[in-house]
Every structure is written in structure tokens, then in C-alpha cells.
All heavy atoms as atom14 arrays in JSON, in Angstrom:
{
  "sequence": "IKVDDKRDKAAPPFDGVKEQLKRYMVQKSQQDFVLKLREAAKVERVE",
  "atom14_mask": [
    [1, 1, 1, 1, 1, 1, 1, 1, 0, 0, 0, 0, 0, 0],
    [1, 1, 1, 1, 1, 1, 1, 1, 1, 0, 0, 0, 0, 0],
    [1, 1, 1, 1, 1, 1, 1, 0, 0, 0, 0, 0, 0, 0],
    [1, 1, 1, 1, 1, 1, 1, 1, 0, 0, 0, 0, 0, 0],
    [1, 1, 1, 1, 1, 1, 1, 1, 0, 0, 0, 0, 0, 0],
    [1, 1, 1, 1, 1, 1, 1, 1, 1, 0, 0, 0, 0, 0],
    [1, 1, 1, 1, 1, 1, 1, 1, 1, 1, 1, 0, 0, 0],
    [1, 1, 1, 1, 1, 1, 1, 1, 0, 0, 0, 0, 0, 0],
    [1, 1, 1, 1, 1, 1, 1, 1, 1, 0, 0, 0, 0, 0],
    [1, 1, 1, 1, 1, 0, 0, 0, 0, 0, 0, 0, 0, 0],
    [1, 1, 1, 1, 1, 0, 0, 0, 0, 0, 0, 0, 0, 0],
    [1, 1, 1, 1, 1, 1, 1, 0, 0, 0, 0, 0, 0, 0],
    [1, 1, 1, 1, 1, 1, 1, 0, 0, 0, 0, 0, 0, 0],
    [1, 1, 1, 1, 1, 1, 1, 1, 1, 1, 1, 0, 0, 0],
    [1, 1, 1, 1, 1, 1, 1, 1, 0, 0, 0, 0, 0, 0],
    [1, 1, 1, 1, 0, 0, 0, 0, 0, 0, 0, 0, 0, 0],
    [1, 1, 1, 1, 1, 1, 1, 0, 0, 0, 0, 0, 0, 0],
    [1, 1, 1, 1, 1, 1, 1, 1, 1, 0, 0, 0, 0, 0],
    [1, 1, 1, 1, 1, 1, 1, 1, 1, 0, 0, 0, 0, 0],
    [1, 1, 1, 1, 1, 1, 1, 1, 1, 0, 0, 0, 0, 0],
    [1, 1, 1, 1, 1, 1, 1, 1, 0, 0, 0, 0, 0, 0],
    [1, 1, 1, 1, 1, 1, 1, 1, 1, 0, 0, 0, 0, 0],
    [1, 1, 1, 1, 1, 1, 1, 1, 1, 1, 1, 0, 0, 0],
    [1, 1, 1, 1, 1, 1, 1, 1, 1, 1, 1, 1, 0, 0],
    [1, 1, 1, 1, 1, 1, 1, 1, 0, 0, 0, 0, 0, 0],
    [1, 1, 1, 1, 1, 1, 1, 0, 0, 0, 0, 0, 0, 0],
    [1, 1, 1, 1, 1, 1, 1, 1, 1, 0, 0, 0, 0, 0],
    [1, 1, 1, 1, 1, 1, 1, 1, 1, 0, 0, 0, 0, 0],
    [1, 1, 1, 1, 1, 1, 0, 0, 0, 0, 0, 0, 0, 0],
    [1, 1, 1, 1, 1, 1, 1, 1, 1, 0, 0, 0, 0, 0],
    [1, 1, 1, 1, 1, 1, 1, 1, 1, 0, 0, 0, 0, 0],
    [1, 1, 1, 1, 1, 1, 1, 1, 0, 0, 0, 0, 0, 0],
    [1, 1, 1, 1, 1, 1, 1, 1, 1, 1, 1, 0, 0, 0],
    [1, 1, 1, 1, 1, 1, 1, 0, 0, 0, 0, 0, 0, 0],
    [1, 1, 1, 1, 1, 1, 1, 1, 0, 0, 0, 0, 0, 0],
    [1, 1, 1, 1, 1, 1, 1, 1, 1, 0, 0, 0, 0, 0],
    [1, 1, 1, 1, 1, 1, 1, 1, 0, 0, 0, 0, 0, 0],
    [1, 1, 1, 1, 1, 1, 1, 1, 1, 1, 1, 0, 0, 0],
    [1, 1, 1, 1, 1, 1, 1, 1, 1, 0, 0, 0, 0, 0],
    [1, 1, 1, 1, 1, 0, 0, 0, 0, 0, 0, 0, 0, 0],
    [1, 1, 1, 1, 1, 0, 0, 0, 0, 0, 0, 0, 0, 0],
    [1, 1, 1, 1, 1, 1, 1, 1, 1, 0, 0, 0, 0, 0],
    [1, 1, 1, 1, 1, 1, 1, 0, 0, 0, 0, 0, 0, 0],
    [1, 1, 1, 1, 1, 1, 1, 1, 1, 0, 0, 0, 0, 0],
    [1, 1, 1, 1, 1, 1, 1, 1, 1, 1, 1, 0, 0, 0],
    [1, 1, 1, 1, 1, 1, 1, 0, 0, 0, 0, 0, 0, 0],
    [1, 1, 1, 1, 1, 1, 1, 1, 1, 0, 0, 0, 0, 0]
  ],
  "atom14_positions": [
    [[-132.55, 116.9, 13.43], [-131.37, 116.06, 13.25], [-130.56, 116.22, 14.51], [-130.24, 117.34, 14.96], [-130.52, 116.45, 12.05], [-131.47, 116.3, 10.82], [-129.29, 115.68, 11.97], [-130.84, 116.9, 9.58], [0.0, 0.0, 0.0], [0.0, 0.0, 0.0], [0.0, 0.0, 0.0], [0.0, 0.0, 0.0], [0.0, 0.0, 0.0], [0.0, 0.0, 0.0]],
    [[-130.18, 115.15, 15.17], [-129.38, 115.1, 16.3], [-127.94, 114.68, 15.96], [-127.75, 113.61, 15.41], [-129.89, 114.18, 17.38], [-129.15, 114.15, 18.58], [-129.67, 113.13, 19.69], [-128.73, 113.07, 20.85], [-129.25, 112.02, 21.79], [0.0, 0.0, 0.0], [0.0, 0.0, 0.0], [0.0, 0.0, 0.0], [0.0, 0.0, 0.0], [0.0, 0.0, 0.0]],
    [[-126.97, 115.53, 16.27], [-125.58, 115.22, 15.94], [-124.95, 114.56, 17.16], [-124.9, 115.07, 18.28], [-124.8, 116.55, 15.7], [-123.35, 116.16, 15.42], [-125.43, 117.22, 14.5], [0.0, 0.0, 0.0], [0.0, 0.0, 0.0], [0.0, 0.0, 0.0], [0.0, 0.0, 0.0], [0.0, 0.0, 0.0], [0.0, 0.0, 0.0], [0.0, 0.0, 0.0]],
    [[-124.6, 113.3, 17.01], [-123.94, 112.47, 18.09], [-122.5, 112.71, 18.14], [-121.9, 112.7, 19.26], [-124.27, 111.02, 17.9], [-125.72, 110.67, 18.14], [-126.41, 111.36, 18.9], [-126.2, 109.7, 17.45], [0.0, 0.0, 0.0], [0.0, 0.0, 0.0], [0.0, 0.0, 0.0], [0.0, 0.0, 0.0], [0.0, 0.0, 0.0], [0.0, 0.0, 0.0]],
    [[-121.85, 112.82, 17.03], [-120.41, 112.87, 16.96], [-119.95, 113.64, 15.73], [-120.68, 113.67, 14.74], [-119.84, 111.45, 16.93], [-118.33, 111.4, 17.18], [-117.74, 112.43, 17.71], [-117.69, 110.33, 16.88], [0.0, 0.0, 0.0], [0.0, 0.0, 0.0], [0.0, 0.0, 0.0], [0.0, 0.0, 0.0], [0.0, 0.0, 0.0], [0.0, 0.0, 0.0]],
    [[-118.8, 114.28, 15.82], [-118.26, 114.98, 14.69], [-116.8, 114.52, 14.52], [-116.12, 114.31, 15.45], [-118.26, 116.54, 14.93], [-119.66, 117.04, 14.86], [-119.81, 118.5, 15.27], [-118.87, 119.47, 14.77], [-119.19, 120.84, 15.07], [0.0, 0.0, 0.0], [0.0, 0.0, 0.0], [0.0, 0.0, 0.0], [0.0, 0.0, 0.0], [0.0, 0.0, 0.0]],
    [[-116.38, 114.39, 13.24], [-115.0, 114.01, 12.95], [-114.46, 115.09, 12.05], [-115.11, 115.51, 11.11], [-114.99, 112.66, 12.22], [-115.4, 111.5, 13.06], [-115.2, 110.23, 12.29], [-116.53, 110.03, 11.69], [-116.73, 109.09, 10.7], [-115.77, 108.33, 10.31], [-117.99, 108.94, 10.23], [0.0, 0.0, 0.0], [0.0, 0.0, 0.0], [0.0, 0.0, 0.0]],
    [[-113.18, 115.5, 12.37], [-112.55, 116.43, 11.5], [-111.79, 115.68, 10.49], [-111.08, 114.76, 10.69], [-111.53, 117.26, 12.38], [-112.24, 118.21, 13.34], [-113.39, 118.63, 13.01], [-111.65, 118.46, 14.4], [0.0, 0.0, 0.0], [0.0, 0.0, 0.0], [0.0, 0.0, 0.0], [0.0, 0.0, 0.0], [0.0, 0.0, 0.0], [0.0, 0.0, 0.0]],
    [[-112.07, 116.1, 9.25], [-111.4, 115.4, 8.09], [-110.45, 116.51, 7.46], [-110.94, 117.58, 7.11], [-112.41, 114.98, 7.1], [-111.83, 114.2, 5.91], [-112.89, 113.68, 5.02], [-112.17, 112.92, 3.91], [-113.22, 112.35, 2.94], [0.0, 0.0, 0.0], [0.0, 0.0, 0.0], [0.0, 0.0, 0.0], [0.0, 0.0, 0.0], [0.0, 0.0, 0.0]],
    [[-109.24, 116.12, 7.3], [-108.31, 117.09, 6.77], [-108.58, 117.24, 5.26], [-109.0, 116.32, 4.54], [-106.87, 116.57, 6.94], [0.0, 0.0, 0.0], [0.0, 0.0, 0.0], [0.0, 0.0, 0.0], [0.0, 0.0, 0.0], [0.0, 0.0, 0.0], [0.0, 0.0, 0.0], [0.0, 0.0, 0.0], [0.0, 0.0, 0.0], [0.0, 0.0, 0.0]],
    [[-108.34, 118.46, 4.77], [-108.49, 118.7, 3.33], [-107.42, 117.92, 2.57], [-106.33, 117.81, 3.0], [-108.37, 120.22, 3.07], [0.0, 0.0, 0.0], [0.0, 0.0, 0.0], [0.0, 0.0, 0.0], [0.0, 0.0, 0.0], [0.0, 0.0, 0.0], [0.0, 0.0, 0.0], [0.0, 0.0, 0.0], [0.0, 0.0, 0.0], [0.0, 0.0, 0.0]],
    [[-107.75, 117.48, 1.39], [-106.84, 116.69, 0.59], [-105.69, 117.67, 0.16], [-105.91, 118.82, 0.0], [-107.63, 116.18, -0.55], [-108.82, 117.08, -0.66], [-109.08, 117.52, 0.69], [0.0, 0.0, 0.0], [0.0, 0.0, 0.0], [0.0, 0.0, 0.0], [0.0, 0.0, 0.0], [0.0, 0.0, 0.0], [0.0, 0.0, 0.0], [0.0, 0.0, 0.0]],
    [[-104.47, 117.09, -0.08], [-103.4, 117.97, -0.65], [-103.69, 118.54, -1.92], [-104.36, 117.9, -2.77], [-102.26, 116.98, -0.64], [-102.78, 115.66, -0.66], [-104.13, 115.7, 0.07], [0.0, 0.0, 0.0], [0.0, 0.0, 0.0], [0.0, 0.0, 0.0], [0.0, 0.0, 0.0], [0.0, 0.0, 0.0], [0.0, 0.0, 0.0], [0.0, 0.0, 0.0]],
    [[-103.22, 119.67, -2.22], [-103.5, 120.36, -3.46], [-103.1, 119.63, -4.7], [-103.81, 119.49, -5.68], [-102.81, 121.78, -3.55], [-103.06, 122.48, -4.77], [-104.26, 123.06, -5.05], [-102.04, 122.63, -5.68], [-104.49, 123.77, -6.29], [-102.19, 123.37, -6.9], [-103.46, 123.85, -7.2], [0.0, 0.0, 0.0], [0.0, 0.0, 0.0], [0.0, 0.0, 0.0]],
    [[-101.93, 119.01, -4.55], [-101.47, 118.12, -5.7], [-102.38, 116.98, -6.01], [-102.42, 116.57, -7.16], [-100.06, 117.64, -5.42], [-98.94, 118.69, -5.45], [-99.23, 119.77, -6.09], [-97.96, 118.51, -4.79], [0.0, 0.0, 0.0], [0.0, 0.0, 0.0], [0.0, 0.0, 0.0], [0.0, 0.0, 0.0], [0.0, 0.0, 0.0], [0.0, 0.0, 0.0]],
    [[-103.13, 116.53, -5.04], [-104.08, 115.43, -5.24], [-105.3, 115.83, -5.95], [-105.99, 115.0, -6.51], [0.0, 0.0, 0.0], [0.0, 0.0, 0.0], [0.0, 0.0, 0.0], [0.0, 0.0, 0.0], [0.0, 0.0, 0.0], [0.0, 0.0, 0.0], [0.0, 0.0, 0.0], [0.0, 0.0, 0.0], [0.0, 0.0, 0.0], [0.0, 0.0, 0.0]],
    [[-105.68, 117.12, -5.88], [-106.95, 117.59, -6.49], [-106.68, 118.6, -7.65], [-107.68, 119.16, -8.19], [-107.87, 118.12, -5.41], [-108.35, 117.1, -4.51], [-107.3, 119.3, -4.7], [0.0, 0.0, 0.0], [0.0, 0.0, 0.0], [0.0, 0.0, 0.0], [0.0, 0.0, 0.0], [0.0, 0.0, 0.0], [0.0, 0.0, 0.0], [0.0, 0.0, 0.0]],
    [[-105.41, 118.85, -7.95], [-105.09, 119.83, -8.9], [-105.72, 119.58, -10.23], [-106.34, 120.53, -10.81], [-103.55, 119.89, -9.12], [-103.14, 121.0, -9.9], [-101.58, 121.06, -9.91], [-101.04, 122.17, -10.86], [-99.63, 122.2, -10.73], [0.0, 0.0, 0.0], [0.0, 0.0, 0.0], [0.0, 0.0, 0.0], [0.0, 0.0, 0.0], [0.0, 0.0, 0.0]],
    [[-105.64, 118.36, -10.81], [-106.27, 118.04, -12.1], [-107.8, 118.17, -12.0], [-108.37, 118.59, -12.99], [-105.78, 116.64, -12.53], [-104.39, 116.58, -12.93], [-103.97, 117.57, -14.06], [-104.71, 117.69, -15.01], [-102.94, 118.18, -13.92], [0.0, 0.0, 0.0], [0.0, 0.0, 0.0], [0.0, 0.0, 0.0], [0.0, 0.0, 0.0], [0.0, 0.0, 0.0]],
    [[-108.32, 117.7, -10.98], [-109.79, 117.78, -10.9], [-110.25, 119.24, -10.81], [-111.28, 119.68, -11.45], [-110.19, 117.11, -9.56], [-111.75, 117.07, -9.35], [-112.15, 116.32, -7.98], [-111.26, 115.86, -7.29], [-113.41, 116.31, -7.74], [0.0, 0.0, 0.0], [0.0, 0.0, 0.0], [0.0, 0.0, 0.0], [0.0, 0.0, 0.0], [0.0, 0.0, 0.0]],
    [[-109.5, 120.11, -10.16], [-109.8, 121.53, -10.14], [-109.68, 122.21, -11.48], [-110.53, 122.99, -11.93], [-109.02, 122.26, -9.12], [-109.23, 121.99, -7.64], [-108.2, 122.56, -6.73], [-110.53, 122.48, -7.27], [0.0, 0.0, 0.0], [0.0, 0.0, 0.0], [0.0, 0.0, 0.0], [0.0, 0.0, 0.0], [0.0, 0.0, 0.0], [0.0, 0.0, 0.0]],
    [[-108.64, 121.75, -12.26], [-108.47, 122.29, -13.54], [-109.68, 121.97, -14.43], [-110.22, 122.75, -15.2], [-107.15, 121.62, -14.2], [-105.95, 122.38, -13.87], [-104.83, 121.66, -14.61], [-103.44, 122.19, -14.22], [-102.36, 121.56, -15.04], [0.0, 0.0, 0.0], [0.0, 0.0, 0.0], [0.0, 0.0, 0.0], [0.0, 0.0, 0.0], [0.0, 0.0, 0.0]],
    [[-110.04, 120.64, -14.43], [-111.23, 120.21, -15.22], [-112.46, 121.01, -14.88], [-113.24, 121.45, -15.78], [-111.54, 118.72, -15.06], [-110.5, 117.85, -15.84], [-111.0, 116.41, -15.85], [-111.29, 115.91, -14.54], [-110.42, 115.27, -13.8], [-109.17, 115.09, -14.18], [-110.69, 114.8, -12.66], [0.0, 0.0, 0.0], [0.0, 0.0, 0.0], [0.0, 0.0, 0.0]],
    [[-112.68, 121.19, -13.64], [-113.84, 121.96, -13.11], [-113.86, 123.37, -13.68], [-114.8, 123.91, -14.14], [-113.88, 121.95, -11.6], [-114.98, 122.89, -11.08], [-116.38, 122.45, -11.12], [-114.67, 124.19, -10.6], [-117.31, 123.37, -10.64], [-115.61, 125.01, -10.09], [-116.97, 124.6, -10.14], [-117.9, 125.46, -9.73], [0.0, 0.0, 0.0], [0.0, 0.0, 0.0]],
    [[-112.66, 124.06, -13.55], [-112.48, 125.4, -13.97], [-112.73, 125.58, -15.5], [-113.34, 126.5, -16.01], [-111.18, 125.97, -13.57], [-111.02, 126.19, -12.07], [-112.27, 127.16, -11.32], [-112.06, 128.76, -12.06], [0.0, 0.0, 0.0], [0.0, 0.0, 0.0], [0.0, 0.0, 0.0], [0.0, 0.0, 0.0], [0.0, 0.0, 0.0], [0.0, 0.0, 0.0]],
    [[-112.23, 124.55, -16.26], [-112.43, 124.61, -17.74], [-113.94, 124.41, -18.04], [-114.45, 125.18, -18.9], [-111.57, 123.51, -18.43], [-111.99, 123.4, -19.9], [-110.08, 123.95, -18.35], [0.0, 0.0, 0.0], [0.0, 0.0, 0.0], [0.0, 0.0, 0.0], [0.0, 0.0, 0.0], [0.0, 0.0, 0.0], [0.0, 0.0, 0.0], [0.0, 0.0, 0.0]],
    [[-114.57, 123.49, -17.41], [-116.01, 123.22, -17.71], [-116.85, 124.48, -17.24], [-117.77, 124.81, -17.98], [-116.47, 122.0, -16.9], [-115.95, 120.69, -17.44], [-116.29, 119.48, -16.62], [-116.77, 119.68, -15.45], [-116.06, 118.29, -17.11], [0.0, 0.0, 0.0], [0.0, 0.0, 0.0], [0.0, 0.0, 0.0], [0.0, 0.0, 0.0], [0.0, 0.0, 0.0]],
    [[-116.47, 125.06, -16.12], [-117.18, 126.19, -15.61], [-117.08, 127.44, -16.61], [-118.07, 128.06, -16.94], [-116.72, 126.6, -14.24], [-117.37, 127.79, -13.67], [-118.84, 127.48, -13.26], [-119.37, 128.75, -12.41], [-120.71, 128.99, -12.81], [0.0, 0.0, 0.0], [0.0, 0.0, 0.0], [0.0, 0.0, 0.0], [0.0, 0.0, 0.0], [0.0, 0.0, 0.0]],
    [[-115.85, 127.62, -17.08], [-115.63, 128.71, -17.99], [-116.41, 128.48, -19.33], [-116.95, 129.41, -19.9], [-114.17, 129.01, -18.19], [-113.55, 127.94, -18.82], [0.0, 0.0, 0.0], [0.0, 0.0, 0.0], [0.0, 0.0, 0.0], [0.0, 0.0, 0.0], [0.0, 0.0, 0.0], [0.0, 0.0, 0.0], [0.0, 0.0, 0.0], [0.0, 0.0, 0.0]],
    [[-116.35, 127.22, -19.79], [-117.01, 126.92, -21.05], [-118.54, 127.13, -20.85], [-119.27, 127.65, -21.78], [-116.77, 125.42, -21.49], [-115.39, 125.25, -21.98], [-115.07, 123.8, -22.24], [-115.82, 122.92, -21.79], [-114.01, 123.52, -22.94], [0.0, 0.0, 0.0], [0.0, 0.0, 0.0], [0.0, 0.0, 0.0], [0.0, 0.0, 0.0], [0.0, 0.0, 0.0]],
    [[-119.03, 126.69, -19.75], [-120.51, 126.86, -19.49], [-120.89, 128.35, -19.47], [-121.86, 128.7, -19.99], [-120.83, 126.15, -18.19], [-122.33, 126.22, -17.78], [-122.67, 125.5, -16.47], [-121.72, 125.38, -15.6], [-123.9, 125.1, -16.26], [0.0, 0.0, 0.0], [0.0, 0.0, 0.0], [0.0, 0.0, 0.0], [0.0, 0.0, 0.0], [0.0, 0.0, 0.0]],
    [[-120.06, 129.14, -18.74], [-120.31, 130.55, -18.66], [-120.35, 131.15, -20.03], [-121.15, 132.09, -20.3], [-119.33, 131.24, -17.67], [-119.55, 130.8, -16.22], [-120.6, 130.21, -15.86], [-118.6, 131.04, -15.48], [0.0, 0.0, 0.0], [0.0, 0.0, 0.0], [0.0, 0.0, 0.0], [0.0, 0.0, 0.0], [0.0, 0.0, 0.0], [0.0, 0.0, 0.0]],
    [[-119.34, 130.77, -20.86], [-119.21, 131.34, -22.12], [-120.41, 131.02, -23.01], [-120.98, 131.86, -23.74], [-117.95, 130.75, -22.85], [-117.69, 131.29, -24.21], [-117.42, 132.65, -24.45], [-117.8, 130.44, -25.3], [-117.16, 133.1, -25.75], [-117.54, 130.94, -26.65], [-117.26, 132.27, -26.81], [0.0, 0.0, 0.0], [0.0, 0.0, 0.0], [0.0, 0.0, 0.0]],
    [[-120.88, 129.76, -22.97], [-122.1, 129.36, -23.73], [-123.37, 130.13, -23.26], [-124.18, 130.58, -24.02], [-122.25, 127.84, -23.63], [-123.65, 127.43, -24.2], [-121.22, 127.08, -24.34], [0.0, 0.0, 0.0], [0.0, 0.0, 0.0], [0.0, 0.0, 0.0], [0.0, 0.0, 0.0], [0.0, 0.0, 0.0], [0.0, 0.0, 0.0], [0.0, 0.0, 0.0]],
    [[-123.45, 130.18, -21.95], [-124.59, 131.06, -21.42], [-124.62, 132.49, -21.94], [-125.64, 133.07, -22.27], [-124.63, 130.9, -19.93], [-125.01, 129.62, -19.33], [-124.9, 129.54, -17.83], [-126.45, 129.15, -19.78], [0.0, 0.0, 0.0], [0.0, 0.0, 0.0], [0.0, 0.0, 0.0], [0.0, 0.0, 0.0], [0.0, 0.0, 0.0], [0.0, 0.0, 0.0]],
    [[-123.41, 133.09, -21.9], [-123.16, 134.41, -22.35], [-123.58, 134.52, -23.82], [-124.31, 135.5, -24.22], [-121.82, 134.87, -22.09], [-121.55, 136.32, -22.41], [-120.1, 136.65, -22.11], [-119.79, 138.11, -22.52], [-118.37, 138.43, -22.23], [0.0, 0.0, 0.0], [0.0, 0.0, 0.0], [0.0, 0.0, 0.0], [0.0, 0.0, 0.0], [0.0, 0.0, 0.0]],
    [[-123.15, 133.59, -24.66], [-123.52, 133.61, -26.05], [-125.01, 133.38, -26.29], [-125.6, 134.12, -27.12], [-122.83, 132.44, -26.81], [-121.32, 132.61, -27.03], [-120.74, 131.35, -27.67], [-121.05, 133.81, -27.89], [0.0, 0.0, 0.0], [0.0, 0.0, 0.0], [0.0, 0.0, 0.0], [0.0, 0.0, 0.0], [0.0, 0.0, 0.0], [0.0, 0.0, 0.0]],
    [[-125.7, 132.56, -25.5], [-127.06, 132.41, -25.61], [-127.89, 133.64, -25.29], [-128.84, 134.02, -25.91], [-127.53, 131.26, -24.73], [-127.23, 129.9, -25.15], [-127.81, 128.82, -24.37], [-127.51, 127.48, -24.81], [-127.69, 126.39, -24.14], [-128.18, 126.46, -22.86], [-127.32, 125.2, -24.65], [0.0, 0.0, 0.0], [0.0, 0.0, 0.0], [0.0, 0.0, 0.0]],
    [[-127.4, 134.32, -24.23], [-128.1, 135.58, -23.82], [-127.94, 136.64, -24.92], [-128.85, 137.39, -25.21], [-127.52, 136.1, -22.52], [-127.95, 135.28, -21.33], [-127.24, 135.76, -20.04], [-126.46, 136.7, -20.04], [-127.41, 135.11, -18.95], [0.0, 0.0, 0.0], [0.0, 0.0, 0.0], [0.0, 0.0, 0.0], [0.0, 0.0, 0.0], [0.0, 0.0, 0.0]],
    [[-126.8, 136.79, -25.6], [-126.5, 137.73, -26.6], [-127.15, 137.32, -28.06], [-127.25, 138.17, -28.9], [-125.08, 137.96, -26.7], [0.0, 0.0, 0.0], [0.0, 0.0, 0.0], [0.0, 0.0, 0.0], [0.0, 0.0, 0.0], [0.0, 0.0, 0.0], [0.0, 0.0, 0.0], [0.0, 0.0, 0.0], [0.0, 0.0, 0.0], [0.0, 0.0, 0.0]],
    [[-127.45, 136.08, -28.15], [-127.94, 135.6, -29.46], [-129.33, 136.05, -29.82], [-130.24, 136.25, -28.96], [-127.95, 134.07, -29.5], [0.0, 0.0, 0.0], [0.0, 0.0, 0.0], [0.0, 0.0, 0.0], [0.0, 0.0, 0.0], [0.0, 0.0, 0.0], [0.0, 0.0, 0.0], [0.0, 0.0, 0.0], [0.0, 0.0, 0.0], [0.0, 0.0, 0.0]],
    [[-129.57, 136.25, -31.09], [-130.88, 136.57, -31.58], [-131.34, 135.39, -32.41], [-130.7, 135.07, -33.49], [-130.83, 137.81, -32.41], [-132.22, 138.21, -32.98], [-132.14, 139.38, -33.88], [-133.52, 139.6, -34.45], [-133.47, 140.62, -35.51], [0.0, 0.0, 0.0], [0.0, 0.0, 0.0], [0.0, 0.0, 0.0], [0.0, 0.0, 0.0], [0.0, 0.0, 0.0]],
    [[-132.35, 134.71, -31.99], [-132.84, 133.5, -32.67], [-134.17, 133.83, -33.42], [-135.03, 134.4, -32.76], [-133.04, 132.33, -31.78], [-133.54, 131.14, -32.48], [-131.74, 132.0, -30.97], [0.0, 0.0, 0.0], [0.0, 0.0, 0.0], [0.0, 0.0, 0.0], [0.0, 0.0, 0.0], [0.0, 0.0, 0.0], [0.0, 0.0, 0.0], [0.0, 0.0, 0.0]],
    [[-134.19, 133.54, -34.61], [-135.38, 133.82, -35.46], [-135.82, 132.52, -36.03], [-135.07, 131.81, -36.79], [-135.09, 134.88, -36.44], [-136.25, 135.29, -37.3], [-135.98, 136.38, -38.38], [-135.03, 137.12, -38.01], [-136.55, 136.32, -39.35], [0.0, 0.0, 0.0], [0.0, 0.0, 0.0], [0.0, 0.0, 0.0], [0.0, 0.0, 0.0], [0.0, 0.0, 0.0]],
    [[-137.09, 132.1, -35.76], [-137.58, 130.92, -36.43], [-138.38, 131.23, -37.66], [-139.19, 132.08, -37.64], [-138.55, 130.2, -35.4], [-137.76, 129.68, -34.19], [-138.68, 128.88, -33.4], [-138.49, 127.47, -33.77], [-139.03, 126.46, -33.14], [-139.85, 126.68, -32.04], [-138.84, 125.25, -33.48], [0.0, 0.0, 0.0], [0.0, 0.0, 0.0], [0.0, 0.0, 0.0]],
    [[-138.06, 130.52, -38.71], [-138.71, 130.66, -40.04], [-139.29, 129.37, -40.34], [-138.62, 128.36, -40.44], [-137.72, 131.13, -41.06], [-138.34, 131.35, -42.38], [-137.06, 132.46, -40.61], [0.0, 0.0, 0.0], [0.0, 0.0, 0.0], [0.0, 0.0, 0.0], [0.0, 0.0, 0.0], [0.0, 0.0, 0.0], [0.0, 0.0, 0.0], [0.0, 0.0, 0.0]],
    [[-140.58, 129.37, -40.64], [-141.24, 128.17, -41.07], [-141.02, 127.98, -42.54], [-141.2, 128.92, -43.35], [-142.77, 128.28, -40.8], [-143.08, 128.37, -39.29], [-142.78, 127.09, -38.6], [-142.82, 125.98, -39.14], [-142.39, 127.19, -37.35], [0.0, 0.0, 0.0], [0.0, 0.0, 0.0], [0.0, 0.0, 0.0], [0.0, 0.0, 0.0], [0.0, 0.0, 0.0]]
  ]
}
């Protein structure tokens, strides 16, 4: 890959991405919690 040009893009202001970050953190913590529960769970299949 040949890079011809680079542009610096400023990071968006925190207030602009605050809600998106909140949603991400909630989803991430829920996912981690579910994975932790699955690892600790004992599943027994009975026919």
C-alpha cells in the first residue's frame, strides 16, 4: 500500500459522542456479565 497523502482529522468533541460512549459501555458491561455467567454456569442436559 502506497500512502500518497495524509489528513489530520480532529477528534469529535466529548459532548458529541457522550451518549454513544454510554451505550457502548452499557453493552460492553452486559456482554461481560453474560460471559461471566456462562463460564460459571453448570448446564446439564436431560433427555
